[in-house]
Amino acid sequence: NYQRTRMKYFYGTMIVGFCFTSFSLSLIFDTVRCNCGLPSTLL
């Protein structure tokens, strides 16, 4: 039953990866609190 395991880890990867990415990006953008130096902020 490969399909079940594939879907389990596909959706799990997407959900957890989205959480890691969104939390990290939000923390950095909220900490910077400045529109100046946008390239360094994105980096």
All heavy atoms as atom14 arrays in JSON, in Angstrom:
{
  "sequence": "NYQRTRMKYFYGTMIVGFCFTSFSLSLIFDTVRCNCGLPSTLL",
  "atom14_mask": [
    [1, 1, 1, 1, 1, 1, 1, 1, 0, 0, 0, 0, 0, 0],
    [1, 1, 1, 1, 1, 1, 1, 1, 1, 1, 1, 1, 0, 0],
    [1, 1, 1, 1, 1, 1, 1, 1, 1, 0, 0, 0, 0, 0],
    [1, 1, 1, 1, 1, 1, 1, 1, 1, 1, 1, 0, 0, 0],
    [1, 1, 1, 1, 1, 1, 1, 0, 0, 0, 0, 0, 0, 0],
    [1, 1, 1, 1, 1, 1, 1, 1, 1, 1, 1, 0, 0, 0],
    [1, 1, 1, 1, 1, 1, 1, 1, 0, 0, 0, 0, 0, 0],
    [1, 1, 1, 1, 1, 1, 1, 1, 1, 0, 0, 0, 0, 0],
    [1, 1, 1, 1, 1, 1, 1, 1, 1, 1, 1, 1, 0, 0],
    [1, 1, 1, 1, 1, 1, 1, 1, 1, 1, 1, 0, 0, 0],
    [1, 1, 1, 1, 1, 1, 1, 1, 1, 1, 1, 1, 0, 0],
    [1, 1, 1, 1, 0, 0, 0, 0, 0, 0, 0, 0, 0, 0],
    [1, 1, 1, 1, 1, 1, 1, 0, 0, 0, 0, 0, 0, 0],
    [1, 1, 1, 1, 1, 1, 1, 1, 0, 0, 0, 0, 0, 0],
    [1, 1, 1, 1, 1, 1, 1, 1, 0, 0, 0, 0, 0, 0],
    [1, 1, 1, 1, 1, 1, 1, 0, 0, 0, 0, 0, 0, 0],
    [1, 1, 1, 1, 0, 0, 0, 0, 0, 0, 0, 0, 0, 0],
    [1, 1, 1, 1, 1, 1, 1, 1, 1, 1, 1, 0, 0, 0],
    [1, 1, 1, 1, 1, 1, 0, 0, 0, 0, 0, 0, 0, 0],
    [1, 1, 1, 1, 1, 1, 1, 1, 1, 1, 1, 0, 0, 0],
    [1, 1, 1, 1, 1, 1, 1, 0, 0, 0, 0, 0, 0, 0],
    [1, 1, 1, 1, 1, 1, 0, 0, 0, 0, 0, 0, 0, 0],
    [1, 1, 1, 1, 1, 1, 1, 1, 1, 1, 1, 0, 0, 0],
    [1, 1, 1, 1, 1, 1, 0, 0, 0, 0, 0, 0, 0, 0],
    [1, 1, 1, 1, 1, 1, 1, 1, 0, 0, 0, 0, 0, 0],
    [1, 1, 1, 1, 1, 1, 0, 0, 0, 0, 0, 0, 0, 0],
    [1, 1, 1, 1, 1, 1, 1, 1, 0, 0, 0, 0, 0, 0],
    [1, 1, 1, 1, 1, 1, 1, 1, 0, 0, 0, 0, 0, 0],
    [1, 1, 1, 1, 1, 1, 1, 1, 1, 1, 1, 0, 0, 0],
    [1, 1, 1, 1, 1, 1, 1, 1, 0, 0, 0, 0, 0, 0],
    [1, 1, 1, 1, 1, 1, 1, 0, 0, 0, 0, 0, 0, 0],
    [1, 1, 1, 1, 1, 1, 1, 0, 0, 0, 0, 0, 0, 0],
    [1, 1, 1, 1, 1, 1, 1, 1, 1, 1, 1, 0, 0, 0],
    [1, 1, 1, 1, 1, 1, 0, 0, 0, 0, 0, 0, 0, 0],
    [1, 1, 1, 1, 1, 1, 1, 1, 0, 0, 0, 0, 0, 0],
    [1, 1, 1, 1, 1, 1, 0, 0, 0, 0, 0, 0, 0, 0],
    [1, 1, 1, 1, 0, 0, 0, 0, 0, 0, 0, 0, 0, 0],
    [1, 1, 1, 1, 1, 1, 1, 1, 0, 0, 0, 0, 0, 0],
    [1, 1, 1, 1, 1, 1, 1, 0, 0, 0, 0, 0, 0, 0],
    [1, 1, 1, 1, 1, 1, 0, 0, 0, 0, 0, 0, 0, 0],
    [1, 1, 1, 1, 1, 1, 1, 0, 0, 0, 0, 0, 0, 0],
    [1, 1, 1, 1, 1, 1, 1, 1, 0, 0, 0, 0, 0, 0],
    [1, 1, 1, 1, 1, 1, 1, 1, 0, 0, 0, 0, 0, 0]
  ],
  "atom14_positions": [
    [[0.85, -1.19, 0.0], [0.0, 0.0, 0.0], [0.89, 1.25, 0.0], [0.94, 2.02, 0.97], [-0.92, -0.01, 1.22], [-2.08, 0.96, 1.07], [-2.19, 1.65, 0.07], [-2.94, 1.01, 2.07], [0.0, 0.0, 0.0], [0.0, 0.0, 0.0], [0.0, 0.0, 0.0], [0.0, 0.0, 0.0], [0.0, 0.0, 0.0], [0.0, 0.0, 0.0]],
    [[1.61, 1.44, -1.12], [2.52, 2.57, -1.2], [1.8, 3.91, -1.26], [2.31, 4.91, -0.77], [3.42, 2.43, -2.44], [4.4, 1.29, -2.37], [4.47, 0.34, -3.37], [5.28, 1.17, -1.3], [5.38, -0.71, -3.32], [6.19, 0.13, -1.22], [6.23, -0.8, -2.24], [7.13, -1.83, -2.17], [0.0, 0.0, 0.0], [0.0, 0.0, 0.0]],
    [[0.63, 3.91, -1.89], [-0.08, 5.18, -2.09], [-0.43, 5.83, -0.75], [-0.34, 7.05, -0.6], [-1.35, 4.94, -2.91], [-2.04, 6.2, -3.4], [-1.2, 6.97, -4.4], [-0.38, 6.4, -5.1], [-1.41, 8.28, -4.46], [0.0, 0.0, 0.0], [0.0, 0.0, 0.0], [0.0, 0.0, 0.0], [0.0, 0.0, 0.0], [0.0, 0.0, 0.0]],
    [[-0.83, 5.02, 0.21], [-1.21, 5.56, 1.51], [-0.01, 6.2, 2.21], [-0.11, 7.31, 2.76], [-1.79, 4.45, 2.37], [-2.23, 4.9, 3.75], [-2.84, 3.73, 4.52], [-3.24, 4.14, 5.85], [-3.79, 3.31, 6.74], [-4.01, 2.05, 6.42], [-4.13, 3.75, 7.93], [0.0, 0.0, 0.0], [0.0, 0.0, 0.0], [0.0, 0.0, 0.0]],
    [[1.13, 5.5, 2.19], [2.33, 6.06, 2.82], [2.8, 7.3, 2.09], [3.23, 8.29, 2.71], [3.45, 5.01, 2.83], [2.99, 3.83, 3.49], [4.68, 5.53, 3.55], [0.0, 0.0, 0.0], [0.0, 0.0, 0.0], [0.0, 0.0, 0.0], [0.0, 0.0, 0.0], [0.0, 0.0, 0.0], [0.0, 0.0, 0.0], [0.0, 0.0, 0.0]],
    [[2.71, 7.29, 0.75], [3.13, 8.45, -0.03], [2.28, 9.67, 0.32], [2.81, 10.77, 0.53], [3.01, 8.12, -1.51], [3.38, 9.26, -2.45], [3.07, 8.85, -3.89], [3.28, 9.92, -4.83], [4.4, 10.15, -5.49], [5.45, 9.37, -5.29], [4.51, 11.15, -6.34], [0.0, 0.0, 0.0], [0.0, 0.0, 0.0], [0.0, 0.0, 0.0]],
    [[0.97, 9.5, 0.38], [0.09, 10.62, 0.71], [0.31, 11.1, 2.14], [0.25, 12.29, 2.43], [-1.37, 10.2, 0.51], [-1.78, 10.01, -0.94], [-1.68, 11.54, -1.92], [-0.12, 11.3, -2.8], [0.0, 0.0, 0.0], [0.0, 0.0, 0.0], [0.0, 0.0, 0.0], [0.0, 0.0, 0.0], [0.0, 0.0, 0.0], [0.0, 0.0, 0.0]],
    [[0.56, 10.16, 3.04], [0.79, 10.51, 4.43], [1.98, 11.45, 4.57], [1.9, 12.51, 5.23], [1.01, 9.24, 5.25], [1.46, 9.46, 6.68], [1.75, 8.13, 7.35], [2.32, 8.31, 8.75], [2.63, 7.01, 9.4], [0.0, 0.0, 0.0], [0.0, 0.0, 0.0], [0.0, 0.0, 0.0], [0.0, 0.0, 0.0], [0.0, 0.0, 0.0]],
    [[3.1, 11.12, 3.93], [4.29, 11.93, 4.07], [4.28, 13.13, 3.13], [4.96, 14.12, 3.4], [5.54, 11.07, 3.85], [5.83, 10.22, 5.05], [5.42, 8.88, 5.1], [6.45, 10.74, 6.17], [5.65, 8.1, 6.21], [6.69, 9.96, 7.29], [6.29, 8.65, 7.3], [6.51, 7.88, 8.42], [0.0, 0.0, 0.0], [0.0, 0.0, 0.0]],
    [[3.53, 13.05, 2.04], [3.41, 14.22, 1.18], [2.66, 15.34, 1.88], [3.13, 16.48, 1.98], [2.7, 13.85, -0.13], [2.39, 15.02, -1.0], [3.39, 15.63, -1.74], [1.11, 15.54, -1.08], [3.11, 16.73, -2.54], [0.81, 16.63, -1.87], [1.82, 17.23, -2.61], [0.0, 0.0, 0.0], [0.0, 0.0, 0.0], [0.0, 0.0, 0.0]],
    [[1.47, 15.02, 2.4], [0.69, 16.05, 3.1], [1.37, 16.47, 4.4], [1.31, 17.65, 4.78], [-0.72, 15.54, 3.37], [-1.57, 15.43, 2.13], [-2.04, 14.2, 1.68], [-1.89, 16.56, 1.39], [-2.81, 14.1, 0.52], [-2.67, 16.47, 0.24], [-3.12, 15.25, -0.19], [-3.88, 15.15, -1.33], [0.0, 0.0, 0.0], [0.0, 0.0, 0.0]],
    [[1.98, 15.51, 5.09], [2.7, 15.87, 6.31], [3.85, 16.82, 6.03], [4.07, 17.79, 6.77], [0.0, 0.0, 0.0], [0.0, 0.0, 0.0], [0.0, 0.0, 0.0], [0.0, 0.0, 0.0], [0.0, 0.0, 0.0], [0.0, 0.0, 0.0], [0.0, 0.0, 0.0], [0.0, 0.0, 0.0], [0.0, 0.0, 0.0], [0.0, 0.0, 0.0]],
    [[4.59, 16.55, 4.94], [5.7, 17.43, 4.57], [5.19, 18.82, 4.2], [5.79, 19.84, 4.59], [6.47, 16.83, 3.39], [6.95, 15.53, 3.75], [7.66, 17.7, 3.03], [0.0, 0.0, 0.0], [0.0, 0.0, 0.0], [0.0, 0.0, 0.0], [0.0, 0.0, 0.0], [0.0, 0.0, 0.0], [0.0, 0.0, 0.0], [0.0, 0.0, 0.0]],
    [[4.1, 18.88, 3.46], [3.56, 20.17, 3.05], [3.07, 20.99, 4.25], [3.35, 22.18, 4.37], [2.42, 19.96, 2.06], [2.82, 19.37, 0.72], [3.98, 20.4, -0.21], [5.52, 19.48, 0.04], [0.0, 0.0, 0.0], [0.0, 0.0, 0.0], [0.0, 0.0, 0.0], [0.0, 0.0, 0.0], [0.0, 0.0, 0.0], [0.0, 0.0, 0.0]],
    [[2.35, 20.33, 5.16], [1.78, 21.06, 6.3], [2.87, 21.52, 7.26], [2.94, 22.71, 7.64], [0.75, 20.17, 7.03], [-0.45, 19.9, 6.12], [0.3, 20.84, 8.33], [-1.43, 18.9, 6.7], [0.0, 0.0, 0.0], [0.0, 0.0, 0.0], [0.0, 0.0, 0.0], [0.0, 0.0, 0.0], [0.0, 0.0, 0.0], [0.0, 0.0, 0.0]],
    [[3.75, 20.61, 7.64], [4.81, 20.98, 8.59], [5.79, 21.95, 7.94], [6.26, 22.91, 8.58], [5.53, 19.72, 9.09], [6.67, 20.09, 10.03], [4.55, 18.8, 9.81], [0.0, 0.0, 0.0], [0.0, 0.0, 0.0], [0.0, 0.0, 0.0], [0.0, 0.0, 0.0], [0.0, 0.0, 0.0], [0.0, 0.0, 0.0], [0.0, 0.0, 0.0]],
    [[6.1, 21.74, 6.66], [6.99, 22.67, 5.97], [6.4, 24.06, 5.87], [7.11, 25.07, 6.02], [0.0, 0.0, 0.0], [0.0, 0.0, 0.0], [0.0, 0.0, 0.0], [0.0, 0.0, 0.0], [0.0, 0.0, 0.0], [0.0, 0.0, 0.0], [0.0, 0.0, 0.0], [0.0, 0.0, 0.0], [0.0, 0.0, 0.0], [0.0, 0.0, 0.0]],
    [[5.1, 24.14, 5.62], [4.44, 25.44, 5.59], [4.51, 26.12, 6.95], [4.73, 27.34, 7.03], [2.98, 25.28, 5.15], [2.17, 26.53, 5.24], [2.28, 27.51, 4.26], [1.31, 26.75, 6.31], [1.54, 28.69, 4.35], [0.56, 27.92, 6.4], [0.68, 28.89, 5.41], [0.0, 0.0, 0.0], [0.0, 0.0, 0.0], [0.0, 0.0, 0.0]],
    [[4.34, 25.36, 8.02], [4.41, 25.93, 9.37], [5.81, 26.47, 9.65], [5.98, 27.61, 10.14], [4.01, 24.9, 10.4], [2.28, 24.41, 10.36], [0.0, 0.0, 0.0], [0.0, 0.0, 0.0], [0.0, 0.0, 0.0], [0.0, 0.0, 0.0], [0.0, 0.0, 0.0], [0.0, 0.0, 0.0], [0.0, 0.0, 0.0], [0.0, 0.0, 0.0]],
    [[6.85, 25.66, 9.37], [8.21, 26.12, 9.59], [8.5, 27.37, 8.79], [9.07, 28.36, 9.31], [9.2, 25.01, 9.2], [9.63, 24.13, 10.34], [9.14, 22.85, 10.47], [10.53, 24.58, 11.28], [9.52, 22.03, 11.51], [10.93, 23.77, 12.33], [10.43, 22.49, 12.45], [0.0, 0.0, 0.0], [0.0, 0.0, 0.0], [0.0, 0.0, 0.0]],
    [[8.12, 27.37, 7.5], [8.42, 28.5, 6.63], [7.68, 29.76, 7.06], [8.27, 30.84, 7.17], [8.07, 28.14, 5.18], [8.78, 26.96, 4.79], [8.44, 29.27, 4.24], [0.0, 0.0, 0.0], [0.0, 0.0, 0.0], [0.0, 0.0, 0.0], [0.0, 0.0, 0.0], [0.0, 0.0, 0.0], [0.0, 0.0, 0.0], [0.0, 0.0, 0.0]],
    [[6.38, 29.64, 7.28], [5.58, 30.82, 7.62], [5.97, 31.4, 8.97], [6.08, 32.63, 9.13], [4.09, 30.46, 7.61], [3.82, 29.43, 8.55], [0.0, 0.0, 0.0], [0.0, 0.0, 0.0], [0.0, 0.0, 0.0], [0.0, 0.0, 0.0], [0.0, 0.0, 0.0], [0.0, 0.0, 0.0], [0.0, 0.0, 0.0], [0.0, 0.0, 0.0]],
    [[6.23, 30.55, 9.96], [6.62, 31.04, 11.28], [7.97, 31.76, 11.22], [8.16, 32.82, 11.83], [6.69, 29.9, 12.29], [5.37, 29.25, 12.56], [5.3, 28.04, 13.23], [4.19, 29.84, 12.15], [4.07, 27.43, 13.48], [2.96, 29.24, 12.39], [2.91, 28.03, 13.05], [0.0, 0.0, 0.0], [0.0, 0.0, 0.0], [0.0, 0.0, 0.0]],
    [[8.91, 31.19, 10.47], [10.24, 31.8, 10.37], [10.19, 33.13, 9.63], [10.78, 34.13, 10.06], [11.2, 30.84, 9.67], [11.3, 29.61, 10.37], [0.0, 0.0, 0.0], [0.0, 0.0, 0.0], [0.0, 0.0, 0.0], [0.0, 0.0, 0.0], [0.0, 0.0, 0.0], [0.0, 0.0, 0.0], [0.0, 0.0, 0.0], [0.0, 0.0, 0.0]],
    [[9.5, 33.16, 8.49], [9.39, 34.41, 7.73], [8.67, 35.48, 8.55], [9.09, 36.65, 8.56], [8.64, 34.15, 6.42], [9.37, 33.34, 5.35], [8.45, 33.06, 4.17], [10.62, 34.07, 4.87], [0.0, 0.0, 0.0], [0.0, 0.0, 0.0], [0.0, 0.0, 0.0], [0.0, 0.0, 0.0], [0.0, 0.0, 0.0], [0.0, 0.0, 0.0]],
    [[7.59, 35.12, 9.22], [6.84, 36.09, 10.0], [7.67, 36.65, 11.15], [7.62, 37.85, 11.44], [5.56, 35.44, 10.54], [4.75, 34.95, 9.49], [0.0, 0.0, 0.0], [0.0, 0.0, 0.0], [0.0, 0.0, 0.0], [0.0, 0.0, 0.0], [0.0, 0.0, 0.0], [0.0, 0.0, 0.0], [0.0, 0.0, 0.0], [0.0, 0.0, 0.0]],
    [[8.45, 35.79, 11.81], [9.27, 36.25, 12.92], [10.32, 37.25, 12.45], [10.55, 38.28, 13.09], [9.95, 35.06, 13.6], [10.85, 35.36, 14.79], [10.05, 35.99, 15.92], [11.55, 34.1, 15.27], [0.0, 0.0, 0.0], [0.0, 0.0, 0.0], [0.0, 0.0, 0.0], [0.0, 0.0, 0.0], [0.0, 0.0, 0.0], [0.0, 0.0, 0.0]],
    [[10.95, 37.0, 11.3], [11.98, 37.91, 10.8], [11.38, 39.23, 10.35], [11.85, 40.31, 10.72], [12.76, 37.25, 9.65], [13.56, 36.04, 10.16], [13.69, 38.25, 8.98], [14.6, 36.38, 11.19], [0.0, 0.0, 0.0], [0.0, 0.0, 0.0], [0.0, 0.0, 0.0], [0.0, 0.0, 0.0], [0.0, 0.0, 0.0], [0.0, 0.0, 0.0]],
    [[10.3, 39.18, 9.57], [9.7, 40.42, 9.08], [9.13, 41.26, 10.22], [9.18, 42.5, 10.16], [8.6, 40.1, 8.06], [9.12, 39.75, 6.7], [8.9, 38.49, 6.15], [9.84, 40.68, 5.96], [9.39, 38.17, 4.9], [10.34, 40.35, 4.7], [10.11, 39.1, 4.16], [0.0, 0.0, 0.0], [0.0, 0.0, 0.0], [0.0, 0.0, 0.0]],
    [[8.6, 40.62, 11.25], [8.08, 41.38, 12.38], [9.2, 41.96, 13.23], [9.06, 43.04, 13.81], [7.18, 40.5, 13.24], [6.54, 41.25, 14.39], [5.6, 42.03, 14.14], [7.01, 41.09, 15.54], [0.0, 0.0, 0.0], [0.0, 0.0, 0.0], [0.0, 0.0, 0.0], [0.0, 0.0, 0.0], [0.0, 0.0, 0.0], [0.0, 0.0, 0.0]],
    [[10.33, 41.27, 13.3], [11.44, 41.76, 14.11], [12.14, 42.93, 13.44], [12.61, 43.86, 14.12], [12.44, 40.61, 14.36], [11.76, 39.51, 14.97], [13.57, 41.06, 15.28], [0.0, 0.0, 0.0], [0.0, 0.0, 0.0], [0.0, 0.0, 0.0], [0.0, 0.0, 0.0], [0.0, 0.0, 0.0], [0.0, 0.0, 0.0], [0.0, 0.0, 0.0]],
    [[12.24, 42.9, 12.11], [12.95, 43.96, 11.39], [12.26, 45.31, 11.57], [12.9, 46.33, 11.86], [13.07, 43.59, 9.9], [13.59, 44.77, 9.1], [14.0, 42.4, 9.73], [0.0, 0.0, 0.0], [0.0, 0.0, 0.0], [0.0, 0.0, 0.0], [0.0, 0.0, 0.0], [0.0, 0.0, 0.0], [0.0, 0.0, 0.0], [0.0, 0.0, 0.0]],
    [[10.93, 45.36, 11.37], [10.14, 46.57, 11.59], [10.67, 47.78, 10.83], [10.77, 48.89, 11.37], [10.08, 46.91, 13.08], [9.3, 45.91, 13.9], [9.02, 46.42, 15.28], [8.21, 45.49, 16.04], [7.72, 45.73, 17.25], [7.97, 46.89, 17.83], [6.98, 44.84, 17.88], [0.0, 0.0, 0.0], [0.0, 0.0, 0.0], [0.0, 0.0, 0.0]],
    [[11.03, 47.58, 9.61], [11.55, 48.69, 8.82], [11.44, 48.35, 7.34], [11.78, 47.23, 6.94], [13.01, 48.98, 9.18], [13.73, 50.36, 8.28], [0.0, 0.0, 0.0], [0.0, 0.0, 0.0], [0.0, 0.0, 0.0], [0.0, 0.0, 0.0], [0.0, 0.0, 0.0], [0.0, 0.0, 0.0], [0.0, 0.0, 0.0], [0.0, 0.0, 0.0]],
    [[10.95, 49.3, 6.55], [10.85, 49.1, 5.11], [12.15, 49.39, 4.39], [12.29, 49.07, 3.21], [9.74, 50.0, 4.54], [8.37, 49.6, 5.05], [8.1, 48.43, 5.28], [7.49, 50.59, 5.24], [0.0, 0.0, 0.0], [0.0, 0.0, 0.0], [0.0, 0.0, 0.0], [0.0, 0.0, 0.0], [0.0, 0.0, 0.0], [0.0, 0.0, 0.0]],
    [[13.1, 50.0, 5.08], [14.39, 50.28, 4.46], [15.23, 49.01, 4.45], [15.08, 48.12, 5.28], [15.12, 51.38, 5.23], [15.32, 51.01, 6.99], [0.0, 0.0, 0.0], [0.0, 0.0, 0.0], [0.0, 0.0, 0.0], [0.0, 0.0, 0.0], [0.0, 0.0, 0.0], [0.0, 0.0, 0.0], [0.0, 0.0, 0.0], [0.0, 0.0, 0.0]],
    [[16.14, 48.93, 3.5], [16.99, 47.74, 3.4], [16.22, 46.49, 3.08], [16.44, 45.44, 3.69], [0.0, 0.0, 0.0], [0.0, 0.0, 0.0], [0.0, 0.0, 0.0], [0.0, 0.0, 0.0], [0.0, 0.0, 0.0], [0.0, 0.0, 0.0], [0.0, 0.0, 0.0], [0.0, 0.0, 0.0], [0.0, 0.0, 0.0], [0.0, 0.0, 0.0]],
    [[15.29, 46.59, 2.11], [14.47, 45.44, 1.77], [15.29, 44.25, 1.26], [14.99, 43.1, 1.62], [13.42, 45.84, 0.74], [12.39, 44.77, 0.36], [11.61, 44.31, 1.58], [11.45, 45.28, -0.73], [0.0, 0.0, 0.0], [0.0, 0.0, 0.0], [0.0, 0.0, 0.0], [0.0, 0.0, 0.0], [0.0, 0.0, 0.0], [0.0, 0.0, 0.0]],
    [[16.32, 44.44, 0.42], [17.12, 43.27, -0.02], [17.76, 42.5, 1.14], [17.73, 41.27, 1.17], [18.18, 43.9, -0.94], [17.56, 45.15, -1.44], [16.74, 45.67, -0.29], [0.0, 0.0, 0.0], [0.0, 0.0, 0.0], [0.0, 0.0, 0.0], [0.0, 0.0, 0.0], [0.0, 0.0, 0.0], [0.0, 0.0, 0.0], [0.0, 0.0, 0.0]],
    [[18.32, 43.21, 2.12], [18.92, 42.52, 3.26], [17.87, 41.83, 4.11], [18.11, 40.75, 4.68], [19.72, 43.51, 4.11], [18.86, 44.53, 4.62], [0.0, 0.0, 0.0], [0.0, 0.0, 0.0], [0.0, 0.0, 0.0], [0.0, 0.0, 0.0], [0.0, 0.0, 0.0], [0.0, 0.0, 0.0], [0.0, 0.0, 0.0], [0.0, 0.0, 0.0]],
    [[16.68, 42.43, 4.2], [15.59, 41.79, 4.94], [15.15, 40.5, 4.28], [14.95, 39.47, 4.94], [14.39, 42.75, 5.06], [14.81, 43.95, 5.72], [13.26, 42.11, 5.86], [0.0, 0.0, 0.0], [0.0, 0.0, 0.0], [0.0, 0.0, 0.0], [0.0, 0.0, 0.0], [0.0, 0.0, 0.0], [0.0, 0.0, 0.0], [0.0, 0.0, 0.0]],
    [[14.99, 40.53, 2.95], [14.6, 39.32, 2.23], [15.68, 38.25, 2.33], [15.37, 37.06, 2.51], [14.33, 39.66, 0.76], [13.11, 40.54, 0.47], [13.03, 40.89, -1.0], [11.83, 39.83, 0.9], [0.0, 0.0, 0.0], [0.0, 0.0, 0.0], [0.0, 0.0, 0.0], [0.0, 0.0, 0.0], [0.0, 0.0, 0.0], [0.0, 0.0, 0.0]],
    [[16.95, 38.66, 2.22], [18.04, 37.69, 2.34], [18.04, 37.06, 3.72], [18.22, 35.84, 3.86], [19.37, 38.39, 2.06], [20.63, 37.51, 2.16], [20.57, 36.37, 1.14], [21.89, 38.35, 1.95], [0.0, 0.0, 0.0], [0.0, 0.0, 0.0], [0.0, 0.0, 0.0], [0.0, 0.0, 0.0], [0.0, 0.0, 0.0], [0.0, 0.0, 0.0]]
  ]
}
